[in-house]
Amino acid sequence: MMRPGPLRRLGPLDQDILRSLLTYTGGAPSFVVRNLLSLRIKHKFVLTTRFVTYRLKVLEEHRLVRRVPTSYKTMISWAVTDTGRERGKWR
């Protein structure tokens, strides 16, 4: 497994992803995060679940989010780690 490079700065979408996940204590599936973001962003660009999942995987490499187990085979749920909780706070 490759080591992730240094996370210099979170983009605005990454911060919104972390803030959306902070509202769910047990974790949230990718499509729920996408729905919350689409309500917040107000159609500035087309936001797909595939792109949100890609960004969540990047955040996972930097240990800001982690996968949590679900009862479904293909659904991935995500939760914020302690490091991500510090980075996703309102500023």
C-alpha atoms as a PDB file:
ATOM      1  CA  MET A   1       0.000   0.000   0.000  1.00  0.00           C
ATOM      2  CA  MET A   2       1.303   3.405  -0.929  1.00  0.00           C
ATOM      3  CA  ARG A   3       1.774   5.981   1.760  1.00  0.00           C
ATOM      4  CA  PRO A   4      -0.293   9.093   1.178  1.00  0.00           C
ATOM      5  CA  GLY A   5       1.520  12.328   0.557  1.00  0.00           C
ATOM      6  CA  PRO A   6       1.193  15.194   2.981  1.00  0.00           C
ATOM      7  CA  LEU A   7      -2.256  16.717   3.067  1.00  0.00           C
ATOM      8  CA  ARG A   8      -1.343  20.330   2.620  1.00  0.00           C
ATOM      9  CA  ARG A   9      -4.761  21.870   2.555  1.00  0.00           C
ATOM     10  CA  LEU A  10      -8.283  20.590   2.344  1.00  0.00           C
ATOM     11  CA  GLY A  11     -10.365  21.866  -0.513  1.00  0.00           C
ATOM     12  CA  PRO A  12     -13.759  23.422   0.159  1.00  0.00           C
ATOM     13  CA  LEU A  13     -15.549  20.278  -1.009  1.00  0.00           C
ATOM     14  CA  ASP A  14     -13.462  18.092   1.304  1.00  0.00           C
ATOM     15  CA  GLN A  15     -14.347  20.298   4.246  1.00  0.00           C
ATOM     16  CA  ASP A  16     -18.024  20.100   3.292  1.00  0.00           C
ATOM     17  CA  ILE A  17     -17.738  16.295   3.153  1.00  0.00           C
ATOM     18  CA  LEU A  18     -16.239  16.202   6.644  1.00  0.00           C
ATOM     19  CA  ARG A  19     -18.903  18.573   7.973  1.00  0.00           C
ATOM     20  CA  SER A  20     -21.654  16.435   6.439  1.00  0.00           C
ATOM     21  CA  LEU A  21     -20.236  13.325   8.096  1.00  0.00           C
ATOM     22  CA  LEU A  22     -19.965  15.092  11.448  1.00  0.00           C
ATOM     23  CA  THR A  23     -23.765  15.314  11.569  1.00  0.00           C
ATOM     24  CA  TYR A  24     -23.990  11.493  11.632  1.00  0.00           C
ATOM     25  CA  THR A  25     -22.568   9.786  14.703  1.00  0.00           C
ATOM     26  CA  GLY A  26     -22.537   6.199  13.430  1.00  0.00           C
ATOM     27  CA  GLY A  27     -21.402   6.981   9.908  1.00  0.00           C
ATOM     28  CA  ALA A  28     -23.232   7.691   6.686  1.00  0.00           C
ATOM     29  CA  PRO A  29     -23.355   5.987   3.296  1.00  0.00           C
ATOM     30  CA  SER A  30     -21.826   7.689   0.276  1.00  0.00           C
ATOM     31  CA  PHE A  31     -25.185   8.537  -1.275  1.00  0.00           C
ATOM     32  CA  VAL A  32     -26.346  10.293   1.906  1.00  0.00           C
ATOM     33  CA  VAL A  33     -23.212  12.439   1.914  1.00  0.00           C
ATOM     34  CA  ARG A  34     -23.836  13.265  -1.744  1.00  0.00           C
ATOM     35  CA  ASN A  35     -27.439  14.266  -1.040  1.00  0.00           C
ATOM     36  CA  LEU A  36     -26.384  16.523   1.834  1.00  0.00           C
ATOM     37  CA  LEU A  37     -23.735  18.148  -0.330  1.00  0.00           C
ATOM     38  CA  SER A  38     -26.097  18.715  -3.240  1.00  0.00           C
ATOM     39  CA  LEU A  39     -28.479  20.551  -0.901  1.00  0.00           C
ATOM     40  CA  ARG A  40     -25.631  22.691   0.427  1.00  0.00           C
ATOM     41  CA  ILE A  41     -23.936  23.441  -2.907  1.00  0.00           C
ATOM     42  CA  LYS A  42     -27.146  24.371  -4.778  1.00  0.00           C
ATOM     43  CA  HIS A  43     -26.268  22.966  -8.208  1.00  0.00           C
ATOM     44  CA  LYS A  44     -23.030  24.860  -8.811  1.00  0.00           C
ATOM     45  CA  PHE A  45     -21.827  21.761 -10.666  1.00  0.00           C
ATOM     46  CA  VAL A  46     -23.000  18.224 -11.216  1.00  0.00           C
ATOM     47  CA  LEU A  47     -22.149  16.210  -8.117  1.00  0.00           C
ATOM     48  CA  THR A  48     -22.245  12.444  -8.480  1.00  0.00           C
ATOM     49  CA  THR A  49     -22.041   9.696  -5.886  1.00  0.00           C
ATOM     50  CA  ARG A  50     -19.069   8.294  -7.769  1.00  0.00           C
ATOM     51  CA  PHE A  51     -17.120  11.548  -7.337  1.00  0.00           C
ATOM     52  CA  VAL A  52     -18.036  11.821  -3.639  1.00  0.00           C
ATOM     53  CA  THR A  53     -16.898   8.216  -3.104  1.00  0.00           C
ATOM     54  CA  TYR A  54     -13.620   9.048  -4.851  1.00  0.00           C
ATOM     55  CA  ARG A  55     -13.056  12.040  -2.556  1.00  0.00           C
ATOM     56  CA  LEU A  56     -13.938   9.920   0.494  1.00  0.00           C
ATOM     57  CA  LYS A  57     -11.332   7.350  -0.549  1.00  0.00           C
ATOM     58  CA  VAL A  58      -8.734  10.130  -0.818  1.00  0.00           C
ATOM     59  CA  LEU A  59      -9.703  11.354   2.645  1.00  0.00           C
ATOM     60  CA  GLU A  60      -9.430   7.755   3.868  1.00  0.00           C
ATOM     61  CA  GLU A  61      -5.847   7.570   2.604  1.00  0.00           C
ATOM     62  CA  HIS A  62      -5.073  10.624   4.719  1.00  0.00           C
ATOM     63  CA  ARG A  63      -6.814   8.995   7.702  1.00  0.00           C
ATOM     64  CA  LEU A  64      -9.491  11.672   8.016  1.00  0.00           C
ATOM     65  CA  VAL A  65     -12.383   9.248   7.460  1.00  0.00           C
ATOM     66  CA  ARG A  66     -12.753   5.500   7.889  1.00  0.00           C
ATOM     67  CA  ARG A  67     -15.094   2.847   6.585  1.00  0.00           C
ATOM     68  CA  VAL A  68     -17.638   1.433   8.984  1.00  0.00           C
ATOM     69  CA  PRO A  69     -19.315  -1.960   8.582  1.00  0.00           C
ATOM     70  CA  THR A  70     -22.856  -2.184   7.216  1.00  0.00           C
ATOM     71  CA  SER A  71     -25.292  -5.005   6.730  1.00  0.00           C
ATOM     72  CA  TYR A  72     -25.285  -4.457   2.953  1.00  0.00           C
ATOM     73  CA  LYS A  73     -22.701  -6.025   0.681  1.00  0.00           C
ATOM     74  CA  THR A  74     -21.982  -3.161  -1.721  1.00  0.00           C
ATOM     75  CA  MET A  75     -22.853  -0.095   0.358  1.00  0.00           C
ATOM     76  CA  ILE A  76     -19.916   1.749   1.915  1.00  0.00           C
ATOM     77  CA  SER A  77     -20.513   3.811   5.035  1.00  0.00           C
ATOM     78  CA  TRP A  78     -18.053   6.366   6.292  1.00  0.00           C
ATOM     79  CA  ALA A  79     -17.269   7.926   9.671  1.00  0.00           C
ATOM     80  CA  VAL A  80     -14.953  10.751  10.625  1.00  0.00           C
ATOM     81  CA  THR A  81     -11.788   9.904  12.567  1.00  0.00           C
ATOM     82  CA  ASP A  82     -10.435  12.059  15.397  1.00  0.00           C
ATOM     83  CA  THR A  83      -7.981  13.713  13.024  1.00  0.00           C
ATOM     84  CA  GLY A  84     -10.794  14.452  10.578  1.00  0.00           C
ATOM     85  CA  ARG A  85     -12.943  15.816  13.386  1.00  0.00           C
ATOM     86  CA  GLU A  86     -10.277  18.451  14.094  1.00  0.00           C
ATOM     87  CA  ARG A  87      -9.849  19.320  10.395  1.00  0.00           C
ATOM     88  CA  GLY A  88     -13.570  19.526   9.666  1.00  0.00           C
ATOM     89  CA  LYS A  89     -14.529  22.000  12.374  1.00  0.00           C
ATOM     90  CA  TRP A  90     -16.131  25.283  11.414  1.00  0.00           C
ATOM     91  CA  ARG A  91     -13.617  28.060  10.942  1.00  0.00           C
END
